[in-house]
Amino acid sequence: MNLKELRRSYAQRKKGIVSRLEEFGSVLAGSRDREIFTELSFCLFTPQSKAKSCWEAVTTLKNNKLLFDGKAPQISKHLNKVRFKNNKARYVVEARERISGLMDLLDGKTPGIRGPEFAVSAREWLVKNIKGIGYKEASHFLRNIGLGEHIAILDRHILKNMKALGVIKEIPAAITPKKYLEMERKLINFSKIIKIPVSHLDLLFWSNETGEIFK
């Protein structure tokens, strides 16, 4: 895809993207623990797994009353389409113990985490305090609750498009935190140049590949 094609695609999909982002924003506006934890669990499942399979797993766990109360072995049994299911089941259980701290963070009660780029500081808190969450997963979670304006989700489809558009020269074999932030700055600068918000680019790239605007 070249820049001309990207702009044309954005013009066609912008309305749907804006609508989806408004839905994400409503999660934080409601700011209820269970909705927030559902999104966090989804993002804990996503590394090296398909997003739709992860969302199906979350839905199944909720329907079986396990997401908020189940033990790790019970949760694991429903993660057959999620890679590293035993580890991720433990991460969900451990994340429950951090939910009050997470809600304090999102409610603005955590000292030192303020300002227009709140999501940048919040992401650091998530990476430090929630086991199983890296920069990509933390960015995904924050975007999915309406805080994606100043951060980027650098997953494989984003990186592939960044390379195709000349934003990066190559996709690194391993992404350290330093490398993640470096590539994120490049994508944010690119988004400013082409006047497409970085929070829109992820959904645009995804929908261009799959034909739908998902999560």
N, C-alpha and C. Protein backbone atom coordinates (compact mmCIF):
# COMPACT_ATOMS: atom_id res chain seq x y z
N MET A 1 0.83 -1.20 0.00
CA MET A 1 0.00 0.00 0.00
C MET A 1 0.87 1.25 0.00
N ASN A 2 0.54 2.20 -0.90
CA ASN A 2 1.25 3.47 -0.91
C ASN A 2 0.41 4.52 -0.19
N LEU A 3 0.97 5.72 -0.08
CA LEU A 3 0.31 6.77 0.69
C LEU A 3 -1.02 7.19 0.07
N LYS A 4 -1.06 7.24 -1.25
CA LYS A 4 -2.30 7.62 -1.93
C LYS A 4 -3.41 6.62 -1.62
N GLU A 5 -3.07 5.35 -1.65
CA GLU A 5 -4.05 4.30 -1.33
C GLU A 5 -4.48 4.37 0.13
N LEU A 6 -3.53 4.70 0.99
CA LEU A 6 -3.84 4.82 2.41
C LEU A 6 -4.85 5.94 2.66
N ARG A 7 -4.62 7.07 2.04
CA ARG A 7 -5.54 8.21 2.20
C ARG A 7 -6.94 7.87 1.67
N ARG A 8 -6.98 7.20 0.52
CA ARG A 8 -8.27 6.83 -0.06
C ARG A 8 -9.01 5.86 0.86
N SER A 9 -8.28 4.90 1.39
CA SER A 9 -8.89 3.93 2.29
C SER A 9 -9.40 4.60 3.56
N TYR A 10 -8.63 5.56 4.06
CA TYR A 10 -9.03 6.28 5.28
C TYR A 10 -10.32 7.06 5.05
N ALA A 11 -10.42 7.70 3.91
CA ALA A 11 -11.63 8.46 3.58
C ALA A 11 -12.85 7.54 3.59
N GLN A 12 -12.67 6.31 3.13
CA GLN A 12 -13.77 5.35 3.06
C GLN A 12 -14.13 4.80 4.44
N ARG A 13 -13.13 4.64 5.31
CA ARG A 13 -13.34 3.94 6.57
C ARG A 13 -13.37 4.86 7.81
N LYS A 14 -13.12 6.13 7.61
CA LYS A 14 -12.99 7.04 8.75
C LYS A 14 -14.22 7.02 9.65
N LYS A 15 -15.40 7.06 9.07
CA LYS A 15 -16.63 7.10 9.87
C LYS A 15 -16.71 5.88 10.79
N GLY A 16 -16.42 4.70 10.25
CA GLY A 16 -16.47 3.49 11.05
C GLY A 16 -15.40 3.46 12.13
N ILE A 17 -14.21 3.98 11.81
CA ILE A 17 -13.12 4.04 12.78
C ILE A 17 -13.47 4.95 13.94
N VAL A 18 -14.00 6.13 13.64
CA VAL A 18 -14.39 7.08 14.68
C VAL A 18 -15.46 6.47 15.57
N SER A 19 -16.41 5.78 14.96
CA SER A 19 -17.48 5.14 15.72
C SER A 19 -16.93 4.08 16.66
N ARG A 20 -15.96 3.30 16.17
CA ARG A 20 -15.37 2.24 17.01
C ARG A 20 -14.60 2.85 18.17
N LEU A 21 -13.85 3.91 17.91
CA LEU A 21 -13.09 4.56 18.97
C LEU A 21 -14.01 5.18 20.02
N GLU A 22 -15.16 5.67 19.60
CA GLU A 22 -16.15 6.19 20.55
C GLU A 22 -16.66 5.07 21.45
N GLU A 23 -16.83 3.88 20.88
CA GLU A 23 -17.23 2.73 21.68
C GLU A 23 -16.16 2.41 22.72
N PHE A 24 -14.90 2.43 22.31
CA PHE A 24 -13.81 2.18 23.25
C PHE A 24 -13.83 3.21 24.38
N GLY A 25 -14.05 4.46 24.01
CA GLY A 25 -14.07 5.53 25.00
C GLY A 25 -15.18 5.38 26.02
N SER A 26 -16.27 4.74 25.63
CA SER A 26 -17.39 4.57 26.55
C SER A 26 -17.05 3.61 27.68
N VAL A 27 -16.08 2.73 27.47
CA VAL A 27 -15.65 1.79 28.52
C VAL A 27 -15.07 2.57 29.69
N LEU A 28 -14.18 3.49 29.40
CA LEU A 28 -13.55 4.29 30.46
C LEU A 28 -14.54 5.28 31.06
N ALA A 29 -15.42 5.79 30.23
CA ALA A 29 -16.42 6.74 30.74
C ALA A 29 -17.29 6.07 31.80
N GLY A 30 -17.62 4.80 31.56
CA GLY A 30 -18.37 4.06 32.56
C GLY A 30 -17.48 3.69 33.73
N SER A 31 -16.22 3.39 33.41
CA SER A 31 -15.18 3.12 34.40
C SER A 31 -15.60 2.11 35.45
N ARG A 32 -16.20 1.02 35.01
CA ARG A 32 -16.59 -0.04 35.92
C ARG A 32 -15.51 -1.12 35.91
N ASP A 33 -15.21 -1.64 37.07
CA ASP A 33 -14.11 -2.58 37.22
C ASP A 33 -14.20 -3.75 36.25
N ARG A 34 -15.38 -4.33 36.10
CA ARG A 34 -15.50 -5.55 35.30
C ARG A 34 -15.30 -5.30 33.81
N GLU A 35 -15.79 -4.18 33.31
CA GLU A 35 -15.56 -3.85 31.91
C GLU A 35 -14.07 -3.62 31.65
N ILE A 36 -13.44 -2.90 32.54
CA ILE A 36 -12.00 -2.64 32.42
C ILE A 36 -11.22 -3.95 32.49
N PHE A 37 -11.57 -4.81 33.43
CA PHE A 37 -10.85 -6.06 33.59
C PHE A 37 -11.06 -6.99 32.39
N THR A 38 -12.23 -6.94 31.79
CA THR A 38 -12.49 -7.73 30.58
C THR A 38 -11.53 -7.34 29.47
N GLU A 39 -11.35 -6.03 29.26
CA GLU A 39 -10.42 -5.56 28.23
C GLU A 39 -8.98 -5.92 28.57
N LEU A 40 -8.64 -5.83 29.84
CA LEU A 40 -7.28 -6.18 30.26
C LEU A 40 -7.01 -7.66 30.00
N SER A 41 -7.96 -8.51 30.33
CA SER A 41 -7.81 -9.95 30.12
C SER A 41 -7.64 -10.26 28.63
N PHE A 42 -8.44 -9.61 27.79
CA PHE A 42 -8.31 -9.79 26.34
C PHE A 42 -6.89 -9.49 25.88
N CYS A 43 -6.34 -8.38 26.38
CA CYS A 43 -4.99 -7.99 25.96
C CYS A 43 -3.92 -8.89 26.56
N LEU A 44 -4.18 -9.49 27.71
CA LEU A 44 -3.26 -10.47 28.27
C LEU A 44 -3.21 -11.73 27.40
N PHE A 45 -4.31 -12.05 26.73
CA PHE A 45 -4.37 -13.25 25.90
C PHE A 45 -3.74 -13.06 24.52
N THR A 46 -3.67 -11.82 24.03
CA THR A 46 -3.35 -11.59 22.61
C THR A 46 -1.93 -11.91 22.15
N PRO A 47 -0.89 -11.86 22.98
CA PRO A 47 0.45 -12.14 22.43
C PRO A 47 0.52 -13.50 21.73
N GLN A 48 0.92 -13.45 20.46
CA GLN A 48 1.08 -14.63 19.60
C GLN A 48 -0.21 -15.42 19.41
N SER A 49 -1.34 -14.77 19.59
CA SER A 49 -2.64 -15.42 19.39
C SER A 49 -3.54 -14.51 18.57
N LYS A 50 -4.52 -15.09 17.90
CA LYS A 50 -5.43 -14.30 17.08
C LYS A 50 -6.42 -13.53 17.95
N ALA A 51 -6.63 -12.27 17.59
CA ALA A 51 -7.49 -11.40 18.40
C ALA A 51 -8.89 -11.98 18.56
N LYS A 52 -9.45 -12.50 17.49
CA LYS A 52 -10.82 -13.02 17.56
C LYS A 52 -10.89 -14.23 18.49
N SER A 53 -9.89 -15.08 18.44
CA SER A 53 -9.86 -16.24 19.33
C SER A 53 -9.77 -15.80 20.78
N CYS A 54 -9.00 -14.74 21.02
CA CYS A 54 -8.84 -14.23 22.38
C CYS A 54 -10.15 -13.64 22.90
N TRP A 55 -10.87 -12.92 22.04
CA TRP A 55 -12.13 -12.34 22.46
C TRP A 55 -13.17 -13.43 22.69
N GLU A 56 -13.14 -14.46 21.88
CA GLU A 56 -14.04 -15.61 22.09
C GLU A 56 -13.76 -16.26 23.44
N ALA A 57 -12.47 -16.38 23.78
CA ALA A 57 -12.10 -16.98 25.07
C ALA A 57 -12.59 -16.13 26.23
N VAL A 58 -12.44 -14.82 26.12
CA VAL A 58 -12.92 -13.91 27.17
C VAL A 58 -14.44 -14.05 27.34
N THR A 59 -15.14 -14.07 26.22
CA THR A 59 -16.60 -14.20 26.26
C THR A 59 -17.03 -15.52 26.91
N THR A 60 -16.33 -16.59 26.56
CA THR A 60 -16.63 -17.90 27.14
C THR A 60 -16.40 -17.90 28.65
N LEU A 61 -15.31 -17.30 29.07
CA LEU A 61 -15.01 -17.23 30.51
C LEU A 61 -16.07 -16.42 31.26
N LYS A 62 -16.52 -15.35 30.65
CA LYS A 62 -17.58 -14.55 31.29
C LYS A 62 -18.87 -15.35 31.38
N ASN A 63 -19.21 -16.03 30.31
CA ASN A 63 -20.45 -16.81 30.29
C ASN A 63 -20.43 -17.94 31.32
N ASN A 64 -19.23 -18.45 31.59
CA ASN A 64 -19.08 -19.53 32.56
C ASN A 64 -18.73 -19.02 33.96
N LYS A 65 -18.81 -17.70 34.13
CA LYS A 65 -18.57 -17.07 35.44
C LYS A 65 -17.18 -17.41 36.00
N LEU A 66 -16.19 -17.41 35.10
CA LEU A 66 -14.83 -17.73 35.51
C LEU A 66 -13.86 -16.56 35.39
N LEU A 67 -14.19 -15.59 34.54
CA LEU A 67 -13.24 -14.51 34.30
C LEU A 67 -12.93 -13.73 35.58
N PHE A 68 -13.94 -13.49 36.38
CA PHE A 68 -13.77 -12.67 37.58
C PHE A 68 -13.55 -13.48 38.85
N ASP A 69 -13.82 -14.77 38.80
CA ASP A 69 -13.75 -15.57 40.02
C ASP A 69 -13.02 -16.91 39.86
N GLY A 70 -12.81 -17.36 38.64
CA GLY A 70 -12.23 -18.68 38.42
C GLY A 70 -10.75 -18.76 38.79
N LYS A 71 -10.32 -19.96 39.13
CA LYS A 71 -8.91 -20.20 39.41
C LYS A 71 -8.19 -20.50 38.09
N ALA A 72 -6.86 -20.40 38.11
CA ALA A 72 -6.07 -20.54 36.89
C ALA A 72 -6.34 -21.86 36.15
N PRO A 73 -6.38 -23.02 36.81
CA PRO A 73 -6.65 -24.26 36.07
C PRO A 73 -8.02 -24.27 35.40
N GLN A 74 -9.01 -23.65 36.04
CA GLN A 74 -10.35 -23.57 35.44
C GLN A 74 -10.34 -22.68 34.21
N ILE A 75 -9.64 -21.57 34.31
CA ILE A 75 -9.55 -20.64 33.18
C ILE A 75 -8.80 -21.27 32.02
N SER A 76 -7.70 -21.93 32.32
CA SER A 76 -6.86 -22.53 31.29
C SER A 76 -7.63 -23.49 30.39
N LYS A 77 -8.60 -24.20 30.95
CA LYS A 77 -9.37 -25.18 30.18
C LYS A 77 -10.15 -24.55 29.04
N HIS A 78 -10.39 -23.25 29.14
CA HIS A 78 -11.17 -22.54 28.11
C HIS A 78 -10.27 -21.71 27.18
N LEU A 79 -8.98 -21.94 27.22
CA LEU A 79 -8.04 -21.15 26.41
C LEU A 79 -7.34 -21.99 25.35
N ASN A 80 -8.04 -22.96 24.80
CA ASN A 80 -7.41 -23.87 23.85
C ASN A 80 -6.99 -23.21 22.55
N LYS A 81 -7.59 -22.07 22.22
CA LYS A 81 -7.20 -21.34 21.01
C LYS A 81 -6.23 -20.19 21.32
N VAL A 82 -5.79 -20.12 22.58
CA VAL A 82 -4.87 -19.07 23.02
C VAL A 82 -3.53 -19.72 23.35
N ARG A 83 -2.47 -19.19 22.78
CA ARG A 83 -1.14 -19.77 23.02
C ARG A 83 -0.67 -19.47 24.46
N PHE A 84 0.11 -20.42 24.99
CA PHE A 84 0.65 -20.32 26.35
C PHE A 84 -0.49 -20.16 27.37
N LYS A 85 -1.50 -21.00 27.22
CA LYS A 85 -2.74 -20.84 27.98
C LYS A 85 -2.54 -20.94 29.49
N ASN A 86 -1.64 -21.79 29.95
CA ASN A 86 -1.45 -21.93 31.39
C ASN A 86 -0.85 -20.67 32.00
N ASN A 87 0.15 -20.11 31.32
CA ASN A 87 0.74 -18.86 31.79
C ASN A 87 -0.29 -17.73 31.79
N LYS A 88 -1.04 -17.64 30.71
CA LYS A 88 -1.99 -16.54 30.58
C LYS A 88 -3.14 -16.66 31.57
N ALA A 89 -3.52 -17.89 31.89
CA ALA A 89 -4.54 -18.08 32.92
C ALA A 89 -4.04 -17.56 34.26
N ARG A 90 -2.77 -17.82 34.56
CA ARG A 90 -2.18 -17.30 35.82
C ARG A 90 -2.11 -15.78 35.79
N TYR A 91 -1.79 -15.21 34.63
CA TYR A 91 -1.70 -13.76 34.53
C TYR A 91 -3.05 -13.11 34.85
N VAL A 92 -4.13 -13.72 34.37
CA VAL A 92 -5.46 -13.17 34.64
C VAL A 92 -5.75 -13.18 36.14
N VAL A 93 -5.45 -14.29 36.78
CA VAL A 93 -5.69 -14.40 38.22
C VAL A 93 -4.85 -13.38 38.99
N GLU A 94 -3.59 -13.23 38.59
CA GLU A 94 -2.71 -12.27 39.27
C GLU A 94 -3.16 -10.84 39.00
N ALA A 95 -3.67 -10.58 37.80
CA ALA A 95 -4.12 -9.23 37.46
C ALA A 95 -5.32 -8.81 38.30
N ARG A 96 -6.14 -9.78 38.70
CA ARG A 96 -7.28 -9.47 39.56
C ARG A 96 -6.84 -8.79 40.85
N GLU A 97 -5.69 -9.22 41.34
CA GLU A 97 -5.18 -8.68 42.60
C GLU A 97 -4.73 -7.23 42.45
N ARG A 98 -4.56 -6.80 41.19
CA ARG A 98 -4.09 -5.43 40.92
C ARG A 98 -5.22 -4.51 40.46
N ILE A 99 -6.43 -5.02 40.42
CA ILE A 99 -7.51 -4.24 39.82
C ILE A 99 -7.78 -2.94 40.57
N SER A 100 -7.66 -2.95 41.90
CA SER A 100 -7.91 -1.71 42.64
C SER A 100 -6.85 -0.67 42.31
N GLY A 101 -5.59 -1.10 42.19
CA GLY A 101 -4.53 -0.19 41.79
C GLY A 101 -4.73 0.33 40.39
N LEU A 102 -5.20 -0.55 39.49
CA LEU A 102 -5.48 -0.14 38.12
C LEU A 102 -6.60 0.88 38.07
N MET A 103 -7.65 0.67 38.84
CA MET A 103 -8.76 1.61 38.85
C MET A 103 -8.34 2.95 39.45
N ASP A 104 -7.49 2.92 40.48
CA ASP A 104 -6.95 4.17 41.02
C ASP A 104 -6.17 4.92 39.95
N LEU A 105 -5.40 4.17 39.18
CA LEU A 105 -4.63 4.76 38.08
C LEU A 105 -5.56 5.44 37.08
N LEU A 106 -6.59 4.72 36.65
CA LEU A 106 -7.48 5.25 35.63
C LEU A 106 -8.38 6.37 36.15
N ASP A 107 -8.61 6.37 37.46
CA ASP A 107 -9.41 7.45 38.07
C ASP A 107 -8.56 8.66 38.43
N GLY A 108 -7.26 8.61 38.11
CA GLY A 108 -6.40 9.75 38.37
C GLY A 108 -5.90 9.88 39.78
N LYS A 109 -5.90 8.78 40.52
CA LYS A 109 -5.51 8.84 41.93
C LYS A 109 -4.06 8.40 42.15
N THR A 110 -3.37 7.98 41.09
CA THR A 110 -1.99 7.53 41.24
C THR A 110 -1.04 8.73 41.17
N PRO A 111 -0.25 8.98 42.20
CA PRO A 111 0.65 10.15 42.21
C PRO A 111 1.58 10.19 41.01
N GLY A 112 1.72 11.37 40.43
CA GLY A 112 2.69 11.57 39.35
C GLY A 112 2.21 11.20 37.97
N ILE A 113 1.00 10.63 37.86
CA ILE A 113 0.50 10.23 36.54
C ILE A 113 -0.65 11.16 36.17
N ARG A 114 -0.31 12.19 35.41
CA ARG A 114 -1.27 13.24 35.06
C ARG A 114 -0.93 13.79 33.68
N GLY A 115 -1.68 14.78 33.26
CA GLY A 115 -1.34 15.55 32.08
C GLY A 115 -1.95 15.03 30.79
N PRO A 116 -1.74 15.77 29.68
CA PRO A 116 -2.36 15.44 28.40
C PRO A 116 -1.89 14.09 27.84
N GLU A 117 -0.69 13.68 28.18
CA GLU A 117 -0.20 12.38 27.70
C GLU A 117 -0.28 11.35 28.84
N PHE A 118 -1.40 11.36 29.50
CA PHE A 118 -1.65 10.44 30.61
C PHE A 118 -1.36 9.00 30.22
N ALA A 119 -1.74 8.61 29.01
CA ALA A 119 -1.60 7.21 28.58
C ALA A 119 -0.14 6.76 28.57
N VAL A 120 0.78 7.68 28.30
CA VAL A 120 2.20 7.32 28.26
C VAL A 120 2.66 6.88 29.65
N SER A 121 2.29 7.65 30.67
CA SER A 121 2.65 7.30 32.04
C SER A 121 1.87 6.08 32.52
N ALA A 122 0.60 5.99 32.13
CA ALA A 122 -0.22 4.85 32.53
C ALA A 122 0.35 3.56 31.94
N ARG A 123 0.86 3.64 30.75
CA ARG A 123 1.45 2.45 30.11
C ARG A 123 2.65 1.96 30.91
N GLU A 124 3.48 2.88 31.38
CA GLU A 124 4.64 2.49 32.18
C GLU A 124 4.18 1.77 33.45
N TRP A 125 3.11 2.27 34.06
CA TRP A 125 2.58 1.63 35.27
C TRP A 125 2.12 0.21 34.96
N LEU A 126 1.41 0.03 33.85
CA LEU A 126 0.91 -1.28 33.47
C LEU A 126 2.04 -2.27 33.22
N VAL A 127 3.06 -1.84 32.50
CA VAL A 127 4.19 -2.72 32.19
C VAL A 127 4.91 -3.14 33.48
N LYS A 128 4.99 -2.22 34.41
CA LYS A 128 5.69 -2.49 35.67
C LYS A 128 4.86 -3.35 36.62
N ASN A 129 3.55 -3.19 36.60
CA ASN A 129 2.70 -3.78 37.65
C ASN A 129 1.83 -4.95 37.23
N ILE A 130 1.62 -5.16 35.94
CA ILE A 130 0.75 -6.25 35.48
C ILE A 130 1.60 -7.28 34.74
N LYS A 131 1.78 -8.43 35.34
CA LYS A 131 2.58 -9.49 34.72
C LYS A 131 1.93 -9.97 33.43
N GLY A 132 2.76 -10.13 32.39
CA GLY A 132 2.25 -10.56 31.10
C GLY A 132 1.94 -9.42 30.15
N ILE A 133 2.11 -8.19 30.63
CA ILE A 133 1.83 -7.00 29.82
C ILE A 133 3.14 -6.32 29.43
N GLY A 134 3.35 -6.16 28.12
CA GLY A 134 4.47 -5.38 27.61
C GLY A 134 3.95 -4.10 26.99
N TYR A 135 4.81 -3.37 26.30
CA TYR A 135 4.39 -2.10 25.70
C TYR A 135 3.25 -2.28 24.70
N LYS A 136 3.35 -3.31 23.87
CA LYS A 136 2.32 -3.52 22.86
C LYS A 136 0.97 -3.82 23.52
N GLU A 137 0.96 -4.73 24.49
CA GLU A 137 -0.28 -5.12 25.14
C GLU A 137 -0.87 -3.97 25.97
N ALA A 138 0.00 -3.23 26.65
CA ALA A 138 -0.46 -2.08 27.43
C ALA A 138 -1.06 -1.01 26.52
N SER A 139 -0.43 -0.79 25.37
CA SER A 139 -0.95 0.18 24.40
C SER A 139 -2.30 -0.27 23.87
N HIS A 140 -2.42 -1.56 23.59
CA HIS A 140 -3.66 -2.13 23.08
C HIS A 140 -4.79 -1.94 24.11
N PHE A 141 -4.50 -2.27 25.35
CA PHE A 141 -5.48 -2.11 26.42
C PHE A 141 -5.93 -0.66 26.56
N LEU A 142 -4.98 0.25 26.60
CA LEU A 142 -5.31 1.66 26.78
C LEU A 142 -6.12 2.19 25.60
N ARG A 143 -5.76 1.78 24.38
CA ARG A 143 -6.56 2.18 23.22
C ARG A 143 -7.98 1.64 23.34
N ASN A 144 -8.12 0.41 23.82
CA ASN A 144 -9.43 -0.22 23.89
C ASN A 144 -10.33 0.35 24.99
N ILE A 145 -9.77 1.22 25.84
CA ILE A 145 -10.60 1.91 26.82
C ILE A 145 -10.60 3.42 26.56
N GLY A 146 -10.19 3.80 25.36
CA GLY A 146 -10.31 5.20 24.95
C GLY A 146 -9.12 6.09 25.22
N LEU A 147 -7.94 5.48 25.45
CA LEU A 147 -6.74 6.28 25.76
C LEU A 147 -5.62 6.04 24.75
N GLY A 148 -5.97 6.03 23.47
CA GLY A 148 -4.97 5.69 22.46
C GLY A 148 -4.44 6.86 21.66
N GLU A 149 -4.68 8.08 22.10
CA GLU A 149 -4.33 9.24 21.27
C GLU A 149 -2.82 9.49 21.17
N HIS A 150 -2.06 9.12 22.20
CA HIS A 150 -0.64 9.46 22.22
C HIS A 150 0.27 8.24 22.22
N ILE A 151 -0.28 7.08 21.91
CA ILE A 151 0.52 5.85 21.92
C ILE A 151 0.16 5.00 20.70
N ALA A 152 1.02 4.01 20.40
CA ALA A 152 0.79 3.17 19.23
C ALA A 152 0.88 1.70 19.61
N ILE A 153 0.08 0.89 18.94
CA ILE A 153 0.09 -0.57 19.13
C ILE A 153 0.97 -1.15 18.03
N LEU A 154 2.19 -1.48 18.35
CA LEU A 154 3.12 -1.95 17.32
C LEU A 154 3.10 -3.47 17.22
N ASP A 155 2.00 -4.00 16.68
CA ASP A 155 1.96 -5.44 16.44
C ASP A 155 2.41 -5.72 15.01
N ARG A 156 2.33 -6.99 14.61
CA ARG A 156 2.94 -7.36 13.34
C ARG A 156 2.28 -6.69 12.13
N HIS A 157 0.96 -6.48 12.18
CA HIS A 157 0.34 -5.86 11.01
C HIS A 157 0.66 -4.38 10.92
N ILE A 158 0.83 -3.72 12.07
CA ILE A 158 1.26 -2.32 12.06
C ILE A 158 2.67 -2.21 11.51
N LEU A 159 3.57 -3.06 12.01
CA LEU A 159 4.97 -3.02 11.58
C LEU A 159 5.10 -3.30 10.09
N LYS A 160 4.31 -4.25 9.60
CA LYS A 160 4.35 -4.56 8.17
C LYS A 160 3.95 -3.34 7.33
N ASN A 161 2.93 -2.64 7.78
CA ASN A 161 2.49 -1.44 7.07
C ASN A 161 3.48 -0.29 7.22
N MET A 162 4.10 -0.19 8.39
CA MET A 162 5.12 0.84 8.58
C MET A 162 6.29 0.64 7.60
N LYS A 163 6.68 -0.59 7.42
CA LYS A 163 7.76 -0.88 6.47
C LYS A 163 7.32 -0.58 5.04
N ALA A 164 6.12 -1.00 4.68
CA ALA A 164 5.62 -0.78 3.32
C ALA A 164 5.53 0.70 2.98
N LEU A 165 5.23 1.52 3.99
CA LEU A 165 5.08 2.97 3.78
C LEU A 165 6.39 3.73 3.99
N GLY A 166 7.46 3.01 4.31
CA GLY A 166 8.77 3.65 4.47
C GLY A 166 8.98 4.33 5.81
N VAL A 167 8.12 4.04 6.78
CA VAL A 167 8.27 4.65 8.11
C VAL A 167 9.46 4.02 8.83
N ILE A 168 9.65 2.72 8.64
CA ILE A 168 10.83 2.01 9.15
C ILE A 168 11.46 1.24 7.99
N LYS A 169 12.76 0.99 8.09
CA LYS A 169 13.46 0.29 7.01
C LYS A 169 13.25 -1.22 7.08
N GLU A 170 13.17 -1.72 8.28
CA GLU A 170 12.99 -3.16 8.45
C GLU A 170 12.27 -3.45 9.76
N ILE A 171 11.70 -4.63 9.83
CA ILE A 171 11.03 -5.06 11.06
C ILE A 171 12.05 -5.79 11.91
N PRO A 172 12.34 -5.29 13.10
CA PRO A 172 13.36 -5.93 13.93
C PRO A 172 12.93 -7.32 14.40
N ALA A 173 13.91 -8.20 14.55
CA ALA A 173 13.62 -9.56 15.01
C ALA A 173 13.15 -9.55 16.46
N ALA A 174 13.70 -8.65 17.24
CA ALA A 174 13.31 -8.51 18.65
C ALA A 174 13.06 -7.03 18.92
N ILE A 175 12.06 -6.76 19.74
CA ILE A 175 11.71 -5.37 20.03
C ILE A 175 11.90 -5.09 21.51
N THR A 176 12.98 -4.38 21.83
CA THR A 176 13.23 -3.97 23.21
C THR A 176 12.34 -2.76 23.52
N PRO A 177 12.17 -2.44 24.81
CA PRO A 177 11.40 -1.23 25.14
C PRO A 177 11.94 0.02 24.43
N LYS A 178 13.26 0.14 24.37
CA LYS A 178 13.87 1.30 23.71
C LYS A 178 13.51 1.33 22.23
N LYS A 179 13.56 0.15 21.58
CA LYS A 179 13.24 0.07 20.15
C LYS A 179 11.76 0.35 19.92
N TYR A 180 10.92 -0.14 20.82
CA TYR A 180 9.48 0.11 20.70
C TYR A 180 9.20 1.60 20.71
N LEU A 181 9.77 2.30 21.67
CA LEU A 181 9.51 3.74 21.79
C LEU A 181 10.08 4.51 20.60
N GLU A 182 11.19 4.04 20.08
CA GLU A 182 11.80 4.67 18.90
C GLU A 182 10.88 4.54 17.69
N MET A 183 10.36 3.35 17.45
CA MET A 183 9.48 3.13 16.31
C MET A 183 8.13 3.83 16.53
N GLU A 184 7.68 3.86 17.75
CA GLU A 184 6.43 4.55 18.06
C GLU A 184 6.55 6.04 17.71
N ARG A 185 7.67 6.66 18.07
CA ARG A 185 7.87 8.08 17.74
C ARG A 185 7.81 8.29 16.23
N LYS A 186 8.38 7.37 15.48
CA LYS A 186 8.37 7.48 14.02
C LYS A 186 6.94 7.40 13.48
N LEU A 187 6.15 6.49 14.04
CA LEU A 187 4.78 6.35 13.57
C LEU A 187 3.94 7.56 13.95
N ILE A 188 4.14 8.09 15.15
CA ILE A 188 3.39 9.27 15.57
C ILE A 188 3.75 10.47 14.69
N ASN A 189 5.02 10.63 14.39
CA ASN A 189 5.44 11.72 13.49
C ASN A 189 4.83 11.54 12.10
N PHE A 190 4.83 10.31 11.63
CA PHE A 190 4.23 10.00 10.32
C PHE A 190 2.75 10.34 10.32
N SER A 191 2.06 10.01 11.40
CA SER A 191 0.63 10.28 11.49
C SER A 191 0.34 11.78 11.45
N LYS A 192 1.23 12.55 12.04
CA LYS A 192 1.06 14.01 12.02
C LYS A 192 1.27 14.56 10.62
N ILE A 193 2.24 14.01 9.92
CA ILE A 193 2.54 14.47 8.56
C ILE A 193 1.38 14.19 7.62
N ILE A 194 0.80 12.99 7.72
CA ILE A 194 -0.27 12.62 6.81
C ILE A 194 -1.66 13.01 7.34
N LYS A 195 -1.67 13.57 8.57
CA LYS A 195 -2.91 14.07 9.18
C LYS A 195 -3.97 12.96 9.38
N ILE A 196 -3.48 11.80 9.81
CA ILE A 196 -4.35 10.71 10.24
C ILE A 196 -3.94 10.37 11.66
N PRO A 197 -4.80 10.56 12.66
CA PRO A 197 -4.40 10.29 14.05
C PRO A 197 -3.84 8.89 14.23
N VAL A 198 -2.84 8.79 15.09
CA VAL A 198 -2.20 7.49 15.29
C VAL A 198 -3.19 6.47 15.82
N SER A 199 -4.16 6.91 16.61
CA SER A 199 -5.17 5.98 17.13
C SER A 199 -6.07 5.44 16.02
N HIS A 200 -6.14 6.16 14.89
CA HIS A 200 -6.93 5.70 13.75
C HIS A 200 -6.14 4.74 12.87
N LEU A 201 -4.82 4.90 12.86
CA LEU A 201 -4.00 4.12 11.93
C LEU A 201 -4.08 2.63 12.20
N ASP A 202 -4.08 2.24 13.46
CA ASP A 202 -4.13 0.81 13.78
C ASP A 202 -5.39 0.18 13.21
N LEU A 203 -6.53 0.80 13.46
CA LEU A 203 -7.80 0.26 12.97
C LEU A 203 -7.87 0.33 11.45
N LEU A 204 -7.25 1.33 10.86
CA LEU A 204 -7.21 1.44 9.41
C LEU A 204 -6.40 0.31 8.80
N PHE A 205 -5.19 0.08 9.33
CA PHE A 205 -4.36 -1.00 8.83
C PHE A 205 -5.05 -2.36 9.00
N TRP A 206 -5.65 -2.55 10.18
CA TRP A 206 -6.33 -3.82 10.46
C TRP A 206 -7.49 -4.05 9.48
N SER A 207 -8.31 -3.01 9.31
CA SER A 207 -9.48 -3.17 8.44
C SER A 207 -9.09 -3.33 6.98
N ASN A 208 -7.99 -2.72 6.58
CA ASN A 208 -7.51 -2.90 5.21
C ASN A 208 -7.14 -4.36 4.95
N GLU A 209 -6.62 -5.05 5.97
CA GLU A 209 -6.21 -6.43 5.81
C GLU A 209 -7.34 -7.42 5.99
N THR A 210 -8.27 -7.11 6.88
CA THR A 210 -9.32 -8.07 7.23
C THR A 210 -10.70 -7.73 6.70
N GLY A 211 -10.87 -6.46 6.31
CA GLY A 211 -12.18 -6.03 5.81
C GLY A 211 -13.15 -5.63 6.90
N GLU A 212 -12.68 -5.61 8.17
CA GLU A 212 -13.56 -5.21 9.26
C GLU A 212 -12.79 -4.42 10.31
N ILE A 213 -13.51 -3.66 11.11
CA ILE A 213 -12.92 -2.89 12.19
C ILE A 213 -13.22 -3.63 13.48
N PHE A 214 -12.18 -4.25 14.07
CA PHE A 214 -12.41 -5.09 15.23
C PHE A 214 -11.86 -4.42 16.48
N LYS A 215 -10.93 -5.11 17.17
CA LYS A 215 -10.38 -4.60 18.42
C LYS A 215 -8.86 -4.53 18.32
